[in-house]
Amino acid sequence: MTVRLFRQLPLNLDVTPAYSVDDFMVTPCNAEATAWLDRWPKWPGYGLIIYGPPGCGKSHLARVWQEHTKGRLIYGADLNKNDQVLTVGSSAVVVEGADDANERALLRLYNGVVEARQTLLLTATTVPTRWSMMLPDLVSRMTALAAVGIGKPDDSLLQAILVKQFSDRQLQVGAEVVVYLVNRMERSFETAREIVAVLDKMALDRQRPVTVSLAGEALERLAEVQALVDKAQD
């Protein structure tokens, strides 16, 4: 019987959203990925790849699934250092950053998972066809796995990310600040982190709360920095 892990959550800007195994905000940009995890163990084949840009939530989803399956977590970069990965005792294995893994180590891990009839969940920044894989056997196995992407955040998720970022830095902000930023900032997870970091520093330097006015200044500062970067790359 498939147990549903995720549920739709309304966003309340007066309450910090909870990012735990029991509470995840499902929005259109990550709905397909969460639906796949909810369907486990009824997956085609022995694994699934969730891909998307840094900070999109794929790691959080992987941790939820790991907790649910009581699986083992391995970082792809660690496979560069450890040729032998034991999967005994776990019905599932999570590889975070699979596109950073040593190819031969990842292939051995995949073959071991299949032999043990376990399940493999991998996270990556891009689809497998864009990984820099050279081993034909690994290419065939990775591209044969089901892969689902997490897209750019919609308004609801972007608001939740901003609220969480502010909360992590212990910054008290009003809903009007969050709405102001969402309506004007670049729609990316990285920009959300950058804008909160800039606002944190500005508020600390000036010993003042985060307001809409300060948010406007922070957006201008980020735009100036980006313009300098673009000019340097020309």
Protein backbone atom coordinates (compact mmCIF):
# COMPACT_ATOMS: atom_id res chain seq x y z
CA MET A 1 0.00 0.00 0.00
CA THR A 2 1.39 3.39 -0.99
CA VAL A 3 1.51 5.90 1.87
CA ARG A 4 1.11 9.51 0.85
CA LEU A 5 3.97 11.59 2.29
CA PHE A 6 3.11 15.07 1.12
CA ARG A 7 0.05 17.27 1.35
CA GLN A 8 -0.93 20.66 0.03
CA LEU A 9 -0.25 23.38 2.57
CA PRO A 10 -1.67 26.91 2.58
CA LEU A 11 0.90 29.65 3.08
CA ASN A 12 0.37 31.85 6.10
CA LEU A 13 2.87 34.69 6.12
CA ASP A 14 2.28 35.23 9.83
CA VAL A 15 3.75 31.83 10.63
CA THR A 16 7.17 30.52 9.70
CA PRO A 17 6.61 27.56 7.36
CA ALA A 18 7.87 24.26 8.73
CA TYR A 19 10.36 22.31 6.65
CA SER A 20 10.29 18.86 8.22
CA VAL A 21 9.41 15.33 7.25
CA ASP A 22 5.84 16.01 8.33
CA ASP A 23 5.30 19.42 6.80
CA PHE A 24 6.29 20.33 3.24
CA MET A 25 4.77 22.94 0.98
CA VAL A 26 3.64 21.38 -2.28
CA THR A 27 3.24 23.87 -5.14
CA PRO A 28 3.05 23.44 -8.93
CA CYS A 29 6.84 23.64 -9.37
CA ASN A 30 7.51 20.62 -7.15
CA ALA A 31 4.19 18.76 -7.35
CA GLU A 32 5.40 16.22 -9.90
CA ALA A 33 8.47 15.34 -7.83
CA THR A 34 6.45 14.89 -4.64
CA ALA A 35 3.90 12.78 -6.51
CA TRP A 36 6.70 10.46 -7.62
CA LEU A 37 7.90 10.03 -4.05
CA ASP A 38 4.36 9.37 -2.90
CA ARG A 39 4.13 6.52 -5.42
CA TRP A 40 7.11 4.66 -3.99
CA PRO A 41 7.67 1.68 -4.02
CA LYS A 42 5.63 1.46 -7.21
CA TRP A 43 8.37 2.97 -9.37
CA PRO A 44 9.39 1.64 -12.76
CA GLY A 45 12.88 0.24 -12.43
CA TYR A 46 15.11 0.53 -9.39
CA GLY A 47 15.40 4.27 -8.95
CA LEU A 48 14.45 7.87 -9.52
CA ILE A 49 16.40 11.05 -10.19
CA ILE A 50 15.20 14.43 -8.91
CA TYR A 51 17.02 17.34 -10.53
CA GLY A 52 16.87 21.10 -10.21
CA PRO A 53 18.89 24.22 -9.36
CA PRO A 54 20.58 24.68 -5.96
CA GLY A 55 18.12 25.44 -3.19
CA CYS A 56 15.06 24.20 -5.06
CA GLY A 57 14.11 21.72 -2.35
CA LYS A 58 15.34 18.47 -3.88
CA SER A 59 17.54 17.77 -0.87
CA HIS A 60 14.62 18.29 1.47
CA LEU A 61 12.49 15.91 -0.55
CA ALA A 62 15.28 13.36 -0.50
CA ARG A 63 15.52 13.59 3.30
CA VAL A 64 11.77 13.12 3.66
CA TRP A 65 11.96 10.01 1.48
CA GLN A 66 15.02 8.74 3.32
CA GLU A 67 13.22 9.06 6.65
CA HIS A 68 10.14 7.31 5.28
CA THR A 69 12.10 4.41 3.78
CA LYS A 70 14.71 4.24 6.57
CA GLY A 71 17.25 4.37 3.79
CA ARG A 72 20.92 5.28 3.78
CA LEU A 73 22.18 8.73 2.72
CA ILE A 74 25.37 9.05 0.68
CA TYR A 75 26.86 12.21 -0.83
CA GLY A 76 27.99 11.91 -4.41
CA ALA A 77 31.25 13.70 -3.70
CA ASP A 78 32.08 11.09 -1.05
CA LEU A 79 31.94 8.36 -3.68
CA ASN A 80 35.10 9.90 -5.09
CA LYS A 81 36.89 8.93 -1.89
CA ASN A 82 35.24 5.66 -1.00
CA ASP A 83 35.24 2.86 -3.54
CA GLN A 84 33.29 0.48 -1.36
CA VAL A 85 29.80 1.49 -0.30
CA LEU A 86 27.87 -0.89 1.91
CA THR A 87 24.12 -0.90 1.37
CA VAL A 88 23.33 -3.96 3.44
CA GLY A 89 20.54 -3.40 5.95
CA SER A 90 18.79 -0.66 4.01
CA SER A 91 15.94 -1.14 1.58
CA ALA A 92 16.72 2.22 -0.02
CA VAL A 93 19.71 4.45 -0.75
CA VAL A 94 19.81 8.21 -1.36
CA VAL A 95 22.68 9.78 -3.29
CA GLU A 96 22.81 13.55 -2.91
CA GLY A 97 24.62 15.28 -5.76
CA ALA A 98 24.90 12.20 -7.93
CA ASP A 99 26.32 14.28 -10.78
CA ASP A 100 29.41 14.94 -8.58
CA ALA A 101 30.09 11.25 -7.97
CA ASN A 102 32.98 9.21 -9.26
CA GLU A 103 31.59 7.33 -12.26
CA ARG A 104 32.93 3.89 -11.42
CA ALA A 105 31.84 4.20 -7.78
CA LEU A 106 28.35 5.30 -8.82
CA LEU A 107 28.10 2.42 -11.28
CA ARG A 108 29.14 -0.07 -8.59
CA LEU A 109 26.60 1.40 -6.22
CA TYR A 110 23.83 1.20 -8.80
CA ASN A 111 24.68 -2.42 -9.65
CA GLY A 112 24.75 -3.28 -5.94
CA VAL A 113 21.33 -1.71 -5.41
CA VAL A 114 19.87 -3.69 -8.32
CA GLU A 115 21.46 -6.92 -7.14
CA ALA A 116 20.07 -6.43 -3.63
CA ARG A 117 16.66 -5.42 -5.07
CA GLN A 118 16.81 -2.12 -3.22
CA THR A 119 15.72 1.33 -4.41
CA LEU A 120 17.91 4.26 -5.36
CA LEU A 121 16.99 7.96 -5.19
CA LEU A 122 19.46 10.41 -6.69
CA THR A 123 19.51 14.20 -6.70
CA ALA A 124 21.35 16.31 -9.26
CA THR A 125 21.38 19.80 -10.71
CA THR A 126 20.55 18.69 -14.27
CA VAL A 127 19.09 15.80 -16.22
CA PRO A 128 21.42 12.79 -16.64
CA THR A 129 21.92 13.51 -20.36
CA ARG A 130 23.82 16.64 -19.30
CA TRP A 131 26.10 14.93 -16.81
CA SER A 132 29.73 14.58 -17.85
CA MET A 133 29.60 10.78 -17.92
CA MET A 134 32.12 8.82 -19.96
CA LEU A 135 31.37 5.21 -18.97
CA PRO A 136 28.84 3.76 -21.45
CA ASP A 137 27.38 1.40 -18.83
CA LEU A 138 26.75 4.27 -16.42
CA VAL A 139 25.25 6.44 -19.16
CA SER A 140 22.81 3.70 -20.12
CA ARG A 141 21.77 3.04 -16.54
CA MET A 142 21.35 6.66 -15.46
CA THR A 143 19.46 7.73 -18.59
CA ALA A 144 17.15 4.73 -18.21
CA LEU A 145 16.02 5.87 -14.74
CA ALA A 146 12.90 7.95 -14.35
CA ALA A 147 13.85 11.62 -13.89
CA VAL A 148 11.71 14.49 -12.68
CA GLY A 149 12.67 18.15 -12.42
CA ILE A 150 11.77 20.89 -9.98
CA GLY A 151 11.11 24.14 -11.78
CA LYS A 152 11.46 27.78 -10.86
CA PRO A 153 9.47 28.73 -7.77
CA ASP A 154 5.95 30.07 -8.14
CA ASP A 155 4.68 32.88 -5.91
CA SER A 156 3.66 30.62 -3.04
CA LEU A 157 6.94 28.76 -2.86
CA LEU A 158 9.04 31.89 -3.34
CA GLN A 159 7.17 33.52 -0.46
CA ALA A 160 7.77 30.46 1.71
CA ILE A 161 11.48 30.45 0.87
CA LEU A 162 11.84 34.12 1.78
CA VAL A 163 9.97 33.68 5.05
CA LYS A 164 12.16 30.68 5.93
CA GLN A 165 15.35 32.56 5.03
CA PHE A 166 14.33 35.52 7.19
CA SER A 167 13.39 33.20 10.04
CA ASP A 168 16.73 31.37 9.86
CA ARG A 169 18.48 34.72 10.31
CA GLN A 170 16.07 35.71 13.08
CA LEU A 171 14.82 38.68 11.09
CA GLN A 172 11.30 39.85 11.79
CA VAL A 173 9.60 41.07 8.62
CA GLY A 174 6.04 41.93 7.71
CA ALA A 175 4.05 40.20 4.99
CA GLU A 176 4.19 43.41 2.93
CA VAL A 177 7.98 43.08 2.63
CA VAL A 178 7.74 39.51 1.36
CA VAL A 179 5.04 40.38 -1.17
CA TYR A 180 7.04 43.41 -2.33
CA LEU A 181 10.12 41.27 -2.96
CA VAL A 182 8.25 38.49 -4.73
CA ASN A 183 6.71 40.97 -7.14
CA ARG A 184 10.07 42.54 -8.07
CA MET A 185 12.91 40.06 -7.65
CA GLU A 186 14.31 37.55 -10.11
CA ARG A 187 12.38 34.33 -9.73
CA SER A 188 15.11 32.02 -8.49
CA PHE A 189 16.09 30.29 -5.28
CA GLU A 190 19.58 31.76 -5.38
CA THR A 191 18.23 35.32 -5.63
CA ALA A 192 15.98 34.68 -2.64
CA ARG A 193 18.99 33.71 -0.53
CA GLU A 194 21.04 36.64 -1.82
CA ILE A 195 18.38 39.26 -1.16
CA VAL A 196 17.83 38.05 2.41
CA ALA A 197 21.58 38.04 3.06
CA VAL A 198 21.88 41.61 1.77
CA LEU A 199 18.92 42.76 3.84
CA ASP A 200 20.35 41.09 6.93
CA LYS A 201 23.61 43.01 6.56
CA MET A 202 21.90 46.31 5.76
CA ALA A 203 19.56 46.03 8.73
CA LEU A 204 22.49 45.17 11.03
CA ASP A 205 24.70 47.99 9.71
CA ARG A 206 21.96 50.58 10.07
CA GLN A 207 20.41 49.16 13.23
CA ARG A 208 16.94 49.31 11.71
CA PRO A 209 14.18 46.83 10.90
CA VAL A 210 13.62 45.33 7.46
CA THR A 211 11.03 47.49 5.72
CA VAL A 212 9.70 47.84 2.19
CA SER A 213 11.97 50.84 1.74
CA LEU A 214 15.03 48.86 2.79
CA ALA A 215 13.96 45.99 0.55
CA GLY A 216 13.86 48.41 -2.39
CA GLU A 217 17.42 49.53 -1.64
CA ALA A 218 18.59 45.94 -1.40
CA LEU A 219 17.10 45.12 -4.79
CA GLU A 220 18.88 48.12 -6.30
CA ARG A 221 22.16 47.01 -4.74
CA LEU A 222 21.81 43.52 -6.17
CA ALA A 223 20.99 44.96 -9.59
CA GLU A 224 24.14 47.10 -9.49
CA VAL A 225 26.27 44.11 -8.56
CA GLN A 226 24.76 42.04 -11.35
CA ALA A 227 25.39 44.84 -13.83
CA LEU A 228 29.07 44.89 -12.85
CA VAL A 229 29.28 41.12 -13.25
CA ASP A 230 27.64 41.26 -16.66
CA LYS A 231 30.02 44.03 -17.75
CA ALA A 232 33.06 42.07 -16.60
CA GLN A 233 31.91 39.05 -18.62
CA ASP A 234 31.51 41.04 -21.85
